[in-house]
Amino acid sequence: MPESWTGERLRDGGVTSASNESSVILYANLAEARRILLTGDAGPQALYWAAAYAHANGYPLQSFSFVQIPHHGSRRNVGPSILNQLLGPIQPENTIRFTAFVSAPKDDDTHPRKIVLNAFMRRGGKVIATQGTNKIHYGGFPKRDGYVDVEPVPFSSTVEEYD
């Protein structure tokens, strides 16, 4: 199914398991430009609860340097509304505001979903997919010998159909 930068097809209303909705979500505010959001397998309801808690307690959202894409990039775990709350609105094309990692096995044909990766890119994410390889995120210190920069996932003009 075709998708463009201005024509997001990701939908709200995803439903996940109770165990996903009780997944731990970690927020770290290490410094002004070092805010981290780790989401585990959190579903949309858990992410809404976390965003509400952060808002009620004055934690700044929409200013992360690193974000974990929930549940291997499943479209049931995120939607446009919660991404706008957590990450901010859609940005001009090719804007990079944070790094987003998605962990999925090498031979997984359904994860990560391109529709989800595109949604993170639209909000300023430079998306890195592990796809069965070891990758690290570093900052504030030199690269280790033998380590190389990764290539971010490109924006997909074709995404999966909803079932």
Protein backbone atom coordinates (compact mmCIF):
# COMPACT_ATOMS: atom_id res chain seq x y z
CA MET A 1 0.00 0.00 0.00
CA PRO A 2 1.52 3.40 -0.91
CA GLU A 3 2.44 5.91 1.78
CA SER A 4 3.96 9.38 1.62
CA TRP A 5 5.49 11.72 4.19
CA THR A 6 2.23 13.67 4.42
CA GLY A 7 -0.06 10.64 4.05
CA GLU A 8 0.43 8.60 7.23
CA ARG A 9 -1.52 5.33 7.25
CA LEU A 10 -0.72 4.22 10.81
CA ARG A 11 -3.93 4.08 12.88
CA ASP A 12 -4.85 4.57 16.50
CA GLY A 13 -6.78 1.85 18.28
CA GLY A 14 -4.25 -0.98 18.36
CA VAL A 15 -5.00 -3.71 20.88
CA THR A 16 -2.28 -5.76 22.56
CA SER A 17 -2.07 -8.30 25.36
CA ALA A 18 -2.35 -7.54 29.06
CA SER A 19 1.33 -8.43 29.46
CA ASN A 20 2.27 -5.78 26.86
CA GLU A 21 0.10 -3.20 28.62
CA SER A 22 1.99 -3.93 31.85
CA SER A 23 5.45 -3.71 30.26
CA VAL A 24 7.93 -1.48 32.05
CA ILE A 25 8.55 1.92 30.47
CA LEU A 26 11.72 3.72 31.55
CA TYR A 27 12.35 7.45 31.21
CA ALA A 28 15.82 8.84 31.90
CA ASN A 29 16.59 12.54 32.00
CA LEU A 30 20.39 12.44 32.08
CA ALA A 31 20.94 16.00 30.82
CA GLU A 32 19.20 18.60 28.66
CA ALA A 33 20.12 16.81 25.43
CA ARG A 34 20.22 13.30 26.92
CA ARG A 35 16.66 12.15 27.52
CA ILE A 36 15.95 8.46 26.90
CA LEU A 37 12.70 6.51 26.55
CA LEU A 38 12.80 2.71 26.77
CA THR A 39 9.44 1.11 26.01
CA GLY A 40 9.96 -2.66 26.10
CA ASP A 41 6.82 -4.33 24.76
CA ALA A 42 4.48 -1.55 25.91
CA GLY A 43 1.16 -1.23 24.18
CA PRO A 44 -0.70 1.98 23.41
CA GLN A 45 -2.58 2.06 26.73
CA ALA A 46 0.64 1.66 28.73
CA LEU A 47 2.23 4.44 26.66
CA TYR A 48 -0.77 6.73 27.32
CA TRP A 49 -0.51 6.04 31.06
CA ALA A 50 3.23 6.76 31.00
CA ALA A 51 2.70 10.00 29.06
CA ALA A 52 -0.01 11.10 31.50
CA TYR A 53 2.26 10.37 34.46
CA ALA A 54 5.15 12.25 32.84
CA HIS A 55 2.92 15.23 32.10
CA ALA A 56 1.44 15.29 35.63
CA ASN A 57 4.92 15.22 37.14
CA GLY A 58 6.49 17.81 34.86
CA TYR A 59 8.76 15.46 32.90
CA PRO A 60 9.54 16.94 29.50
CA LEU A 61 8.33 14.83 26.60
CA GLN A 62 8.98 15.37 22.89
CA SER A 63 12.67 16.05 23.53
CA PHE A 64 14.33 12.64 23.60
CA SER A 65 17.76 11.86 22.21
CA PHE A 66 17.08 8.10 22.17
CA VAL A 67 13.82 6.12 21.91
CA GLN A 68 13.19 2.38 21.78
CA ILE A 69 10.42 1.49 19.33
CA PRO A 70 7.99 -0.76 21.25
CA HIS A 71 7.48 -4.47 20.65
CA HIS A 72 9.77 -5.02 17.66
CA GLY A 73 7.95 -2.32 15.67
CA SER A 74 4.42 -3.75 15.87
CA ARG A 75 1.65 -1.49 14.56
CA ARG A 76 -0.62 -2.64 17.42
CA ASN A 77 1.65 -1.05 20.01
CA VAL A 78 1.68 2.55 18.75
CA GLY A 79 -0.56 4.98 16.91
CA PRO A 80 -0.28 8.56 15.67
CA SER A 81 -1.92 10.12 18.75
CA ILE A 82 0.44 8.59 21.32
CA LEU A 83 3.47 9.21 19.10
CA ASN A 84 2.48 12.89 18.84
CA GLN A 85 2.20 13.05 22.65
CA LEU A 86 5.51 11.34 23.33
CA LEU A 87 7.64 12.46 20.39
CA GLY A 88 5.90 15.52 18.99
CA PRO A 89 4.08 16.25 15.76
CA ILE A 90 5.15 15.34 12.25
CA GLN A 91 8.26 17.26 11.25
CA PRO A 92 9.42 18.54 7.87
CA GLU A 93 10.81 15.73 5.73
CA ASN A 94 14.32 14.50 6.67
CA THR A 95 14.33 16.23 10.07
CA ILE A 96 16.42 14.31 12.63
CA ARG A 97 15.68 15.04 16.31
CA PHE A 98 16.42 11.69 17.99
CA THR A 99 17.67 8.17 17.37
CA ALA A 100 15.13 5.33 17.49
CA PHE A 101 16.20 1.69 17.83
CA VAL A 102 13.97 -1.23 16.92
CA SER A 103 15.03 -4.72 17.88
CA ALA A 104 13.71 -7.56 15.73
CA PRO A 105 15.05 -10.96 14.70
CA LYS A 106 16.86 -11.30 11.37
CA ASP A 107 14.31 -13.64 9.77
CA ASP A 108 11.12 -11.97 11.07
CA ASP A 109 8.92 -11.17 8.07
CA THR A 110 6.39 -9.12 10.06
CA HIS A 111 8.63 -7.02 12.35
CA PRO A 112 9.44 -4.26 12.27
CA ARG A 113 6.49 -2.86 10.34
CA LYS A 114 7.47 -0.24 7.78
CA ILE A 115 4.34 1.73 8.67
CA VAL A 116 5.69 2.08 12.24
CA LEU A 117 9.23 2.95 11.19
CA ASN A 118 7.86 5.66 8.88
CA ALA A 119 5.80 7.09 11.77
CA PHE A 120 8.92 7.45 13.94
CA MET A 121 10.83 9.03 11.04
CA ARG A 122 8.04 11.56 10.47
CA ARG A 123 8.44 12.74 14.06
CA GLY A 124 12.19 13.22 13.68
CA GLY A 125 13.59 9.75 14.35
CA LYS A 126 16.72 8.37 12.75
CA VAL A 127 15.59 4.72 12.82
CA ILE A 128 18.11 1.94 13.36
CA ALA A 129 16.92 -1.69 13.05
CA THR A 130 18.94 -4.50 14.60
CA GLN A 131 17.46 -7.32 12.46
CA GLY A 132 19.48 -9.92 14.32
CA THR A 133 22.74 -7.95 14.57
CA ASN A 134 24.41 -6.30 17.54
CA LYS A 135 24.30 -2.51 17.48
CA ILE A 136 25.05 0.09 20.11
CA HIS A 137 24.05 3.68 20.70
CA TYR A 138 26.78 5.88 22.08
CA GLY A 139 27.29 9.54 22.73
CA GLY A 140 29.71 11.77 24.51
CA PHE A 141 32.68 9.46 24.06
CA PRO A 142 34.76 8.19 21.14
CA LYS A 143 33.80 5.13 19.10
CA ARG A 144 35.52 1.89 20.04
CA ASP A 145 38.13 0.48 17.68
CA GLY A 146 36.51 -1.64 14.98
CA TYR A 147 33.05 -0.09 15.39
CA VAL A 148 31.46 1.62 12.42
CA ASP A 149 28.46 3.91 11.99
CA VAL A 150 25.19 2.25 11.04
CA GLU A 151 22.96 3.16 8.15
CA PRO A 152 19.51 4.31 9.22
CA VAL A 153 16.46 2.62 7.73
CA PRO A 154 15.17 4.64 4.75
CA PHE A 155 11.61 5.96 4.55
CA SER A 156 9.36 3.42 2.80
CA SER A 157 6.98 4.59 0.10
CA THR A 158 5.20 1.22 0.33
CA VAL A 159 3.90 -0.15 3.65
CA GLU A 160 1.97 -3.19 4.81
CA GLU A 161 -1.80 -3.49 4.47
CA TYR A 162 -3.89 -3.68 7.62
CA ASP A 163 -5.43 -7.14 8.06
